[in-house]
Protein backbone atom coordinates (compact mmCIF):
# COMPACT_ATOMS: atom_id res chain seq x y z
CA MET A 1 126.00 134.87 142.57
CA VAL A 2 126.84 133.11 139.11
CA ASP A 3 124.62 130.68 137.22
CA PRO A 4 126.35 127.73 136.05
CA ILE A 5 127.18 127.22 132.57
CA ARG A 6 124.69 124.32 131.10
CA ILE A 7 125.73 122.38 128.55
CA PRO A 8 123.33 120.05 126.51
CA PRO A 9 124.24 116.48 126.02
CA ILE A 10 126.18 115.10 122.96
CA SER A 11 124.93 112.78 121.10
CA PRO A 12 127.28 109.90 119.67
CA LEU A 13 127.92 109.76 116.22
CA PRO A 14 126.54 107.21 113.95
CA GLY A 15 128.23 104.10 113.77
CA THR A 16 130.27 104.30 117.28
CA GLU A 17 128.99 102.90 120.51
CA PRO A 18 128.19 104.93 123.18
CA SER A 19 131.73 103.85 125.13
CA GLY A 20 133.32 105.73 121.73
CA GLY A 21 134.66 102.09 120.08
CA PRO A 22 133.34 101.91 116.40
CA THR A 23 130.87 99.31 115.53
CA ALA A 24 130.31 97.14 112.64
CA PRO A 25 128.38 98.34 109.75
CA ARG A 26 125.43 96.98 109.57
CA ALA A 27 123.78 95.35 106.59
CA PRO A 28 120.43 96.49 104.96
CA ALA A 29 117.74 94.62 105.98
CA GLY A 30 116.47 92.30 103.37
CA PRO A 31 115.96 88.56 102.99
CA SER A 32 118.25 85.81 104.06
CA PHE A 33 120.33 83.50 101.78
CA ALA A 34 118.28 80.86 103.13
CA GLU A 35 114.95 82.57 102.26
CA ILE A 36 115.83 83.48 98.80
CA LEU A 37 117.03 79.93 98.49
CA LYS A 38 113.94 78.20 99.31
CA LYS A 39 111.90 80.78 97.10
CA SER A 40 113.91 80.11 94.02
CA LEU A 41 113.54 76.26 94.81
CA ASP A 42 109.83 76.70 95.40
CA GLU A 43 109.73 78.41 91.83
CA VAL A 44 111.31 75.81 90.30
CA ASN A 45 109.19 73.37 91.64
CA GLN A 46 105.98 75.31 90.55
CA MET A 47 107.67 75.47 86.87
CA GLN A 48 107.88 71.43 87.04
CA ASN A 49 104.40 70.94 88.40
CA ARG A 50 102.81 73.19 85.52
CA ALA A 51 104.77 71.37 83.03
CA GLY A 52 103.75 68.50 84.51
CA GLU A 53 100.13 69.11 84.11
CA MET A 54 100.47 70.43 81.01
CA GLN A 55 101.54 67.09 79.60
CA VAL A 56 99.09 65.29 81.35
CA LYS A 57 96.33 67.85 79.98
CA TYR A 58 97.92 67.38 76.42
CA VAL A 59 97.87 63.67 76.34
CA THR A 60 93.90 63.64 78.01
CA GLY A 61 93.17 66.34 75.09
CA GLU A 62 92.18 69.14 77.41
CA ILE A 63 95.26 71.01 75.73
CA ASN A 64 95.68 71.18 71.94
CA ASN A 65 98.68 73.41 71.71
CA LEU A 66 101.67 71.25 71.47
CA HIS A 67 104.03 74.20 71.21
CA ASP A 68 102.82 75.47 74.88
CA VAL A 69 103.47 72.49 76.43
CA MET A 70 106.94 72.22 75.28
CA ILE A 71 107.81 75.23 76.08
CA ALA A 72 106.98 74.67 79.66
CA VAL A 73 108.80 71.63 79.69
CA GLU A 74 112.06 73.34 78.26
CA GLU A 75 111.60 76.05 80.56
CA ALA A 76 111.17 73.85 83.65
CA ASN A 77 114.18 71.78 82.26
CA LEU A 78 116.26 74.71 82.18
CA ALA A 79 115.44 76.07 85.38
CA PHE A 80 116.33 72.34 86.92
CA GLN A 81 119.34 72.56 85.31
CA ALA A 82 120.62 75.97 86.40
CA THR A 83 119.23 74.89 89.88
CA MET A 84 121.45 71.70 89.78
CA GLN A 85 124.75 73.56 88.52
CA ILE A 86 124.37 76.19 91.30
CA ARG A 87 124.13 73.24 94.14
CA ASN A 88 127.49 72.05 92.26
CA LYS A 89 129.21 75.36 93.09
CA ILE A 90 127.75 75.61 96.28
CA LEU A 91 128.76 72.13 97.15
CA GLU A 92 132.25 72.82 95.58
CA ALA A 93 132.87 75.86 97.46
CA TYR A 94 132.23 73.91 100.71
CA GLN A 95 134.46 71.25 99.92
CA GLU A 96 136.97 73.58 99.26
CA LEU A 97 136.63 75.60 102.34
CA MET A 98 136.93 72.13 104.22
CA ARG A 99 140.30 71.35 102.45
CA MET A 100 141.66 74.95 103.65
CA GLN A 101 144.05 74.32 106.73
CA VAL A 102 143.41 76.68 109.76
């Protein structure tokens, strides 16, 4: 009597489904756009809060260095202006998409 030939199972190639059809490549795991946006807005908010606190401390005499206060205020101002420009660009892109015909 002859023994049957045993063939080990073949595993599918990476990037293919078990049915043999290709799958879409997956993006590497990472933070979503919403998470990045929220984190950035929180950072801008913290900068503005810090600048406001420093202004109050300067007025009350707790801080004597006007230079540090002005730097904090300008950093917060620049971060806010950059945030507004990004918001404007996102709105422009959204409006452009809405103008496109399907």
